[in-house]
Amino acid sequence: MVAIADNSLRIIKVEKLGDMFTHMQLNTRYTPVKMVVHPDTSYLCVLEKDHNSFNINQLEDLRQKVYAESKNEAYLKAPWH
């Protein structure tokens, strides 16, 4: 198995291919950027973030603020993406 951790490439070798091991799939809402193991509980902690992530109300507020400063109606018609 191959994984990337920080700036290094990790190759994980399973000693006995017939042995069972457990795995879990984690669905993330945003882009995972870092994983660490908690030293006391051994839980895997995943840091997620996303660039320019706003909800619709925040986008509309920003659009209105830009329009108020510029008075350019093109900002009101600009696509959301």
PDB file of N, CA and C in Angstrom:
ATOM      1  N   MET A   1       0.851  -1.156   0.000  1.00  0.00           N
ATOM      2  CA  MET A   1       0.000   0.000   0.000  1.00  0.00           C
ATOM      3  C   MET A   1       0.905   1.231   0.000  1.00  0.00           C
ATOM      4  N   VAL A   2       0.512   2.246  -0.702  1.00  0.00           N
ATOM      5  CA  VAL A   2       1.307   3.471  -0.799  1.00  0.00           C
ATOM      6  C   VAL A   2       0.473   4.628  -0.257  1.00  0.00           C
ATOM      7  N   ALA A   3       1.110   5.503   0.537  1.00  0.00           N
ATOM      8  CA  ALA A   3       0.430   6.659   1.116  1.00  0.00           C
ATOM      9  C   ALA A   3       1.379   7.848   1.106  1.00  0.00           C
ATOM     10  N   ILE A   4       0.799   9.038   1.191  1.00  0.00           N
ATOM     11  CA  ILE A   4       1.593  10.265   1.274  1.00  0.00           C
ATOM     12  C   ILE A   4       1.346  10.877   2.641  1.00  0.00           C
ATOM     13  N   ALA A   5       2.421  11.192   3.371  1.00  0.00           N
ATOM     14  CA  ALA A   5       2.336  11.822   4.690  1.00  0.00           C
ATOM     15  C   ALA A   5       3.299  12.994   4.697  1.00  0.00           C
ATOM     16  N   ASP A   6       2.753  14.178   4.936  1.00  0.00           N
ATOM     17  CA  ASP A   6       3.540  15.413   4.868  1.00  0.00           C
ATOM     18  C   ASP A   6       4.236  15.475   3.513  1.00  0.00           C
ATOM     19  N   ASN A   7       5.554  15.534   3.521  1.00  0.00           N
ATOM     20  CA  ASN A   7       6.301  15.600   2.262  1.00  0.00           C
ATOM     21  C   ASN A   7       6.990  14.284   1.930  1.00  0.00           C
ATOM     22  N   SER A   8       6.476  13.199   2.471  1.00  0.00           N
ATOM     23  CA  SER A   8       7.140  11.925   2.221  1.00  0.00           C
ATOM     24  C   SER A   8       6.170  10.887   1.676  1.00  0.00           C
ATOM     25  N   LEU A   9       6.708   9.979   0.914  1.00  0.00           N
ATOM     26  CA  LEU A   9       5.953   8.872   0.361  1.00  0.00           C
ATOM     27  C   LEU A   9       6.156   7.676   1.274  1.00  0.00           C
ATOM     28  N   ARG A  10       5.051   7.091   1.763  1.00  0.00           N
ATOM     29  CA  ARG A  10       5.135   5.954   2.675  1.00  0.00           C
ATOM     30  C   ARG A  10       4.688   4.684   1.950  1.00  0.00           C
ATOM     31  N   ILE A  11       5.470   3.645   2.072  1.00  0.00           N
ATOM     32  CA  ILE A  11       5.103   2.349   1.517  1.00  0.00           C
ATOM     33  C   ILE A  11       4.859   1.415   2.690  1.00  0.00           C
ATOM     34  N   ILE A  12       3.639   0.887   2.780  1.00  0.00           N
ATOM     35  CA  ILE A  12       3.247   0.033   3.885  1.00  0.00           C
ATOM     36  C   ILE A  12       3.183  -1.401   3.376  1.00  0.00           C
ATOM     37  N   LYS A  13       3.881  -2.272   4.058  1.00  0.00           N
ATOM     38  CA  LYS A  13       3.962  -3.671   3.638  1.00  0.00           C
ATOM     39  C   LYS A  13       3.170  -4.531   4.618  1.00  0.00           C
ATOM     40  N   VAL A  14       2.292  -5.347   4.100  1.00  0.00           N
ATOM     41  CA  VAL A  14       1.536  -6.284   4.921  1.00  0.00           C
ATOM     42  C   VAL A  14       2.346  -7.569   4.981  1.00  0.00           C
ATOM     43  N   GLU A  15       2.696  -8.007   6.196  1.00  0.00           N
ATOM     44  CA  GLU A  15       3.570  -9.168   6.360  1.00  0.00           C
ATOM     45  C   GLU A  15       2.914 -10.466   5.891  1.00  0.00           C
ATOM     46  N   LYS A  16       1.678 -10.707   6.305  1.00  0.00           N
ATOM     47  CA  LYS A  16       1.003 -11.945   5.956  1.00  0.00           C
ATOM     48  C   LYS A  16      -0.233 -11.602   5.140  1.00  0.00           C
ATOM     49  N   LEU A  17      -0.176 -11.836   3.850  1.00  0.00           N
ATOM     50  CA  LEU A  17      -1.262 -11.439   2.959  1.00  0.00           C
ATOM     51  C   LEU A  17      -2.582 -12.131   3.280  1.00  0.00           C
ATOM     52  N   GLY A  18      -2.562 -13.300   3.908  1.00  0.00           N
ATOM     53  CA  GLY A  18      -3.788 -14.011   4.234  1.00  0.00           C
ATOM     54  C   GLY A  18      -4.461 -13.498   5.492  1.00  0.00           C
ATOM     55  N   ASP A  19      -3.752 -12.722   6.316  1.00  0.00           N
ATOM     56  CA  ASP A  19      -4.329 -12.225   7.567  1.00  0.00           C
ATOM     57  C   ASP A  19      -5.383 -11.150   7.307  1.00  0.00           C
ATOM     58  N   MET A  20      -6.372 -11.131   8.185  1.00  0.00           N
ATOM     59  CA  MET A  20      -7.433 -10.117   8.090  1.00  0.00           C
ATOM     60  C   MET A  20      -6.975  -8.843   8.782  1.00  0.00           C
ATOM     61  N   PHE A  21      -7.331  -7.728   8.240  1.00  0.00           N
ATOM     62  CA  PHE A  21      -7.139  -6.460   8.925  1.00  0.00           C
ATOM     63  C   PHE A  21      -8.364  -5.613   8.654  1.00  0.00           C
ATOM     64  N   THR A  22      -8.622  -4.693   9.550  1.00  0.00           N
ATOM     65  CA  THR A  22      -9.834  -3.875   9.418  1.00  0.00           C
ATOM     66  C   THR A  22      -9.498  -2.561   8.736  1.00  0.00           C
ATOM     67  N   HIS A  23     -10.490  -2.041   8.062  1.00  0.00           N
ATOM     68  CA  HIS A  23     -10.357  -0.731   7.448  1.00  0.00           C
ATOM     69  C   HIS A  23     -11.698  -0.022   7.539  1.00  0.00           C
ATOM     70  N   MET A  24     -11.685   1.278   7.408  1.00  0.00           N
ATOM     71  CA  MET A  24     -12.903   2.077   7.486  1.00  0.00           C
ATOM     72  C   MET A  24     -12.827   3.173   6.438  1.00  0.00           C
ATOM     73  N   GLN A  25     -13.917   3.393   5.754  1.00  0.00           N
ATOM     74  CA  GLN A  25     -13.988   4.484   4.786  1.00  0.00           C
ATOM     75  C   GLN A  25     -14.543   5.715   5.486  1.00  0.00           C
ATOM     76  N   LEU A  26     -13.899   6.855   5.298  1.00  0.00           N
ATOM     77  CA  LEU A  26     -14.311   8.099   5.915  1.00  0.00           C
ATOM     78  C   LEU A  26     -14.737   9.066   4.811  1.00  0.00           C
ATOM     79  N   ASN A  27     -16.022   9.369   4.760  1.00  0.00           N
ATOM     80  CA  ASN A  27     -16.505  10.366   3.794  1.00  0.00           C
ATOM     81  C   ASN A  27     -16.286  11.746   4.382  1.00  0.00           C
ATOM     82  N   THR A  28     -15.603  12.593   3.646  1.00  0.00           N
ATOM     83  CA  THR A  28     -15.302  13.937   4.138  1.00  0.00           C
ATOM     84  C   THR A  28     -16.133  14.966   3.388  1.00  0.00           C
ATOM     85  N   ARG A  29     -16.462  16.041   4.082  1.00  0.00           N
ATOM     86  CA  ARG A  29     -17.241  17.116   3.460  1.00  0.00           C
ATOM     87  C   ARG A  29     -16.331  18.043   2.651  1.00  0.00           C
ATOM     88  N   TYR A  30     -15.146  18.279   3.183  1.00  0.00           N
ATOM     89  CA  TYR A  30     -14.186  19.154   2.517  1.00  0.00           C
ATOM     90  C   TYR A  30     -12.916  18.367   2.201  1.00  0.00           C
ATOM     91  N   THR A  31     -11.930  19.042   1.699  1.00  0.00           N
ATOM     92  CA  THR A  31     -10.679  18.406   1.306  1.00  0.00           C
ATOM     93  C   THR A  31      -9.840  18.086   2.549  1.00  0.00           C
ATOM     94  N   PRO A  32      -9.508  16.809   2.779  1.00  0.00           N
ATOM     95  CA  PRO A  32      -8.629  16.500   3.911  1.00  0.00           C
ATOM     96  C   PRO A  32      -7.222  16.998   3.619  1.00  0.00           C
ATOM     97  N   VAL A  33      -6.627  17.694   4.591  1.00  0.00           N
ATOM     98  CA  VAL A  33      -5.295  18.255   4.378  1.00  0.00           C
ATOM     99  C   VAL A  33      -4.250  17.692   5.331  1.00  0.00           C
ATOM    100  N   LYS A  34      -4.690  17.106   6.452  1.00  0.00           N
ATOM    101  CA  LYS A  34      -3.720  16.551   7.391  1.00  0.00           C
ATOM    102  C   LYS A  34      -4.394  15.492   8.251  1.00  0.00           C
ATOM    103  N   MET A  35      -3.637  14.447   8.589  1.00  0.00           N
ATOM    104  CA  MET A  35      -4.125  13.413   9.497  1.00  0.00           C
ATOM    105  C   MET A  35      -3.083  13.200  10.577  1.00  0.00           C
ATOM    106  N   VAL A  36      -3.546  13.107  11.823  1.00  0.00           N
ATOM    107  CA  VAL A  36      -2.653  12.821  12.942  1.00  0.00           C
ATOM    108  C   VAL A  36      -3.339  11.815  13.861  1.00  0.00           C
ATOM    109  N   VAL A  37      -2.534  11.073  14.598  1.00  0.00           N
ATOM    110  CA  VAL A  37      -3.055  10.140  15.591  1.00  0.00           C
ATOM    111  C   VAL A  37      -2.973  10.828  16.950  1.00  0.00           C
ATOM    112  N   HIS A  38      -4.106  10.901  17.654  1.00  0.00           N
ATOM    113  CA  HIS A  38      -4.143  11.522  18.976  1.00  0.00           C
ATOM    114  C   HIS A  38      -3.288  10.679  19.927  1.00  0.00           C
ATOM    115  N   PRO A  39      -2.352  11.305  20.653  1.00  0.00           N
ATOM    116  CA  PRO A  39      -1.416  10.528  21.470  1.00  0.00           C
ATOM    117  C   PRO A  39      -2.064   9.779  22.640  1.00  0.00           C
ATOM    118  N   ASP A  40      -3.156  10.293  23.191  1.00  0.00           N
ATOM    119  CA  ASP A  40      -3.775   9.647  24.351  1.00  0.00           C
ATOM    120  C   ASP A  40      -4.807   8.591  23.965  1.00  0.00           C
ATOM    121  N   THR A  41      -5.602   8.872  22.940  1.00  0.00           N
ATOM    122  CA  THR A  41      -6.714   7.979  22.596  1.00  0.00           C
ATOM    123  C   THR A  41      -6.436   7.098  21.384  1.00  0.00           C
ATOM    124  N   SER A  42      -5.397   7.407  20.638  1.00  0.00           N
ATOM    125  CA  SER A  42      -5.063   6.714  19.384  1.00  0.00           C
ATOM    126  C   SER A  42      -6.128   6.902  18.307  1.00  0.00           C
ATOM    127  N   TYR A  43      -7.000   7.906  18.469  1.00  0.00           N
ATOM    128  CA  TYR A  43      -7.970   8.234  17.421  1.00  0.00           C
ATOM    129  C   TYR A  43      -7.254   8.916  16.268  1.00  0.00           C
ATOM    130  N   LEU A  44      -7.730   8.665  15.072  1.00  0.00           N
ATOM    131  CA  LEU A  44      -7.196   9.342  13.898  1.00  0.00           C
ATOM    132  C   LEU A  44      -7.966  10.650  13.715  1.00  0.00           C
ATOM    133  N   CYS A  45      -7.275  11.761  13.719  1.00  0.00           N
ATOM    134  CA  CYS A  45      -7.894  13.085  13.563  1.00  0.00           C
ATOM    135  C   CYS A  45      -7.604  13.589  12.156  1.00  0.00           C
ATOM    136  N   VAL A  46      -8.641  14.054  11.456  1.00  0.00           N
ATOM    137  CA  VAL A  46      -8.510  14.523  10.083  1.00  0.00           C
ATOM    138  C   VAL A  46      -8.862  16.002  10.034  1.00  0.00           C
ATOM    139  N   LEU A  47      -7.944  16.815   9.548  1.00  0.00           N
ATOM    140  CA  LEU A  47      -8.186  18.241   9.366  1.00  0.00           C
ATOM    141  C   LEU A  47      -8.677  18.454   7.945  1.00  0.00           C
ATOM    142  N   GLU A  48      -9.850  19.091   7.816  1.00  0.00           N
ATOM    143  CA  GLU A  48     -10.416  19.363   6.497  1.00  0.00           C
ATOM    144  C   GLU A  48     -10.540  20.866   6.303  1.00  0.00           C
ATOM    145  N   LYS A  49     -10.414  21.303   5.056  1.00  0.00           N
ATOM    146  CA  LYS A  49     -10.676  22.705   4.743  1.00  0.00           C
ATOM    147  C   LYS A  49     -10.978  22.824   3.262  1.00  0.00           C
ATOM    148  N   ASP A  50     -11.559  23.917   2.907  1.00  0.00           N
ATOM    149  CA  ASP A  50     -11.849  24.162   1.510  1.00  0.00           C
ATOM    150  C   ASP A  50     -11.656  25.644   1.225  1.00  0.00           C
ATOM    151  N   HIS A  51     -11.082  25.953   0.109  1.00  0.00           N
ATOM    152  CA  HIS A  51     -10.794  27.328  -0.292  1.00  0.00           C
ATOM    153  C   HIS A  51     -12.059  27.983  -0.839  1.00  0.00           C
ATOM    154  N   ASN A  52     -12.345  29.199  -0.391  1.00  0.00           N
ATOM    155  CA  ASN A  52     -13.490  29.987  -0.866  1.00  0.00           C
ATOM    156  C   ASN A  52     -14.818  29.256  -0.692  1.00  0.00           C
ATOM    157  N   SER A  53     -15.026  28.704   0.463  1.00  0.00           N
ATOM    158  CA  SER A  53     -16.266  27.982   0.734  1.00  0.00           C
ATOM    159  C   SER A  53     -17.243  28.907   1.450  1.00  0.00           C
ATOM    160  N   PHE A  54     -18.296  29.312   0.752  1.00  0.00           N
ATOM    161  CA  PHE A  54     -19.316  30.189   1.302  1.00  0.00           C
ATOM    162  C   PHE A  54     -20.685  29.594   1.019  1.00  0.00           C
ATOM    163  N   ASN A  55     -21.643  29.853   1.916  1.00  0.00           N
ATOM    164  CA  ASN A  55     -23.005  29.435   1.599  1.00  0.00           C
ATOM    165  C   ASN A  55     -23.662  30.507   0.722  1.00  0.00           C
ATOM    166  N   ILE A  56     -24.855  30.231   0.222  1.00  0.00           N
ATOM    167  CA  ILE A  56     -25.533  31.138  -0.724  1.00  0.00           C
ATOM    168  C   ILE A  56     -25.776  32.519  -0.112  1.00  0.00           C
ATOM    169  N   ASN A  57     -26.172  32.573   1.154  1.00  0.00           N
ATOM    170  CA  ASN A  57     -26.424  33.867   1.800  1.00  0.00           C
ATOM    171  C   ASN A  57     -25.154  34.698   1.909  1.00  0.00           C
ATOM    172  N   GLN A  58     -24.039  34.057   2.252  1.00  0.00           N
ATOM    173  CA  GLN A  58     -22.769  34.779   2.331  1.00  0.00           C
ATOM    174  C   GLN A  58     -22.346  35.299   0.957  1.00  0.00           C
ATOM    175  N   LEU A  59     -22.533  34.486  -0.081  1.00  0.00           N
ATOM    176  CA  LEU A  59     -22.191  34.929  -1.433  1.00  0.00           C
ATOM    177  C   LEU A  59     -23.033  36.136  -1.853  1.00  0.00           C
ATOM    178  N   GLU A  60     -24.324  36.097  -1.550  1.00  0.00           N
ATOM    179  CA  GLU A  60     -25.197  37.217  -1.917  1.00  0.00           C
ATOM    180  C   GLU A  60     -24.813  38.482  -1.149  1.00  0.00           C
ATOM    181  N   ASP A  61     -24.477  38.356   0.127  1.00  0.00           N
ATOM    182  CA  ASP A  61     -24.025  39.517   0.902  1.00  0.00           C
ATOM    183  C   ASP A  61     -22.752  40.118   0.311  1.00  0.00           C
ATOM    184  N   LEU A  62     -21.807  39.254  -0.064  1.00  0.00           N
ATOM    185  CA  LEU A  62     -20.569  39.746  -0.670  1.00  0.00           C
ATOM    186  C   LEU A  62     -20.840  40.425  -2.008  1.00  0.00           C
ATOM    187  N   ARG A  63     -21.729  39.845  -2.786  1.00  0.00           N
ATOM    188  CA  ARG A  63     -22.085  40.430  -4.081  1.00  0.00           C
ATOM    189  C   ARG A  63     -22.689  41.818  -3.903  1.00  0.00           C
ATOM    190  N   GLN A  64     -23.569  41.964  -2.930  1.00  0.00           N
ATOM    191  CA  GLN A  64     -24.202  43.264  -2.672  1.00  0.00           C
ATOM    192  C   GLN A  64     -23.184  44.289  -2.182  1.00  0.00           C
ATOM    193  N   LYS A  65     -22.236  43.869  -1.361  1.00  0.00           N
ATOM    194  CA  LYS A  65     -21.205  44.794  -0.875  1.00  0.00           C
ATOM    195  C   LYS A  65     -20.327  45.288  -2.026  1.00  0.00           C
ATOM    196  N   VAL A  66     -19.930  44.366  -2.909  1.00  0.00           N
ATOM    197  CA  VAL A  66     -19.099  44.756  -4.059  1.00  0.00           C
ATOM    198  C   VAL A  66     -19.875  45.694  -4.963  1.00  0.00           C
ATOM    199  N   TYR A  67     -21.149  45.396  -5.189  1.00  0.00           N
ATOM    200  CA  TYR A  67     -21.965  46.266  -6.029  1.00  0.00           C
ATOM    201  C   TYR A  67     -22.117  47.657  -5.397  1.00  0.00           C
ATOM    202  N   ALA A  68     -22.330  47.705  -4.084  1.00  0.00           N
ATOM    203  CA  ALA A  68     -22.502  48.991  -3.393  1.00  0.00           C
ATOM    204  C   ALA A  68     -21.260  49.864  -3.525  1.00  0.00           C
ATOM    205  N   GLU A  69     -20.098  49.246  -3.517  1.00  0.00           N
ATOM    206  CA  GLU A  69     -18.858  50.017  -3.643  1.00  0.00           C
ATOM    207  C   GLU A  69     -18.558  50.406  -5.077  1.00  0.00           C
ATOM    208  N   SER A  70     -18.903  49.554  -6.021  1.00  0.00           N
ATOM    209  CA  SER A  70     -18.508  49.799  -7.411  1.00  0.00           C
ATOM    210  C   SER A  70     -19.620  50.399  -8.274  1.00  0.00           C
ATOM    211  N   LYS A  71     -20.868  50.148  -7.892  1.00  0.00           N
ATOM    212  CA  LYS A  71     -22.043  50.559  -8.683  1.00  0.00           C
ATOM    213  C   LYS A  71     -22.023  49.952 -10.088  1.00  0.00           C
ATOM    214  N   ASN A  72     -21.343  48.829 -10.225  1.00  0.00           N
ATOM    215  CA  ASN A  72     -21.251  48.132 -11.499  1.00  0.00           C
ATOM    216  C   ASN A  72     -22.243  46.973 -11.471  1.00  0.00           C
ATOM    217  N   GLU A  73     -23.282  47.044 -12.308  1.00  0.00           N
ATOM    218  CA  GLU A  73     -24.333  46.023 -12.291  1.00  0.00           C
ATOM    219  C   GLU A  73     -23.851  44.660 -12.791  1.00  0.00           C
ATOM    220  N   ALA A  74     -22.699  44.611 -13.400  1.00  0.00           N
ATOM    221  CA  ALA A  74     -22.162  43.328 -13.862  1.00  0.00           C
ATOM    222  C   ALA A  74     -21.923  42.387 -12.683  1.00  0.00           C
ATOM    223  N   TYR A  75     -21.607  42.960 -11.513  1.00  0.00           N
ATOM    224  CA  TYR A  75     -21.394  42.112 -10.337  1.00  0.00           C
ATOM    225  C   TYR A  75     -22.682  41.428  -9.901  1.00  0.00           C
ATOM    226  N   LEU A  76     -23.811  42.061 -10.141  1.00  0.00           N
ATOM    227  CA  LEU A  76     -25.102  41.450  -9.758  1.00  0.00           C
ATOM    228  C   LEU A  76     -25.481  40.325 -10.695  1.00  0.00           C
ATOM    229  N   LYS A  77     -24.944  40.329 -11.913  1.00  0.00           N
ATOM    230  CA  LYS A  77     -25.280  39.300 -12.900  1.00  0.00           C
ATOM    231  C   LYS A  77     -24.234  38.220 -13.036  1.00  0.00           C
ATOM    232  N   ALA A  78     -23.134  38.349 -12.306  1.00  0.00           N
ATOM    233  CA  ALA A  78     -22.032  37.383 -12.424  1.00  0.00           C
ATOM    234  C   ALA A  78     -22.462  36.013 -11.924  1.00  0.00           C
ATOM    235  N   PRO A  79     -21.974  34.949 -12.566  1.00  0.00           N
ATOM    236  CA  PRO A  79     -22.323  33.586 -12.120  1.00  0.00           C
ATOM    237  C   PRO A  79     -21.711  33.300 -10.745  1.00  0.00           C
ATOM    238  N   TRP A  80     -22.288  32.329 -10.041  1.00  0.00           N
ATOM    239  CA  TRP A  80     -21.837  31.992  -8.689  1.00  0.00           C
ATOM    240  C   TRP A  80     -20.495  31.284  -8.680  1.00  0.00           C
ATOM    241  N   HIS A  81     -20.146  30.563  -9.693  1.00  0.00           N
ATOM    242  CA  HIS A  81     -18.908  29.774  -9.669  1.00  0.00           C
ATOM    243  C   HIS A  81     -17.704  30.579 -10.035  1.00  0.00           C
TER     244      HIS A  81
END
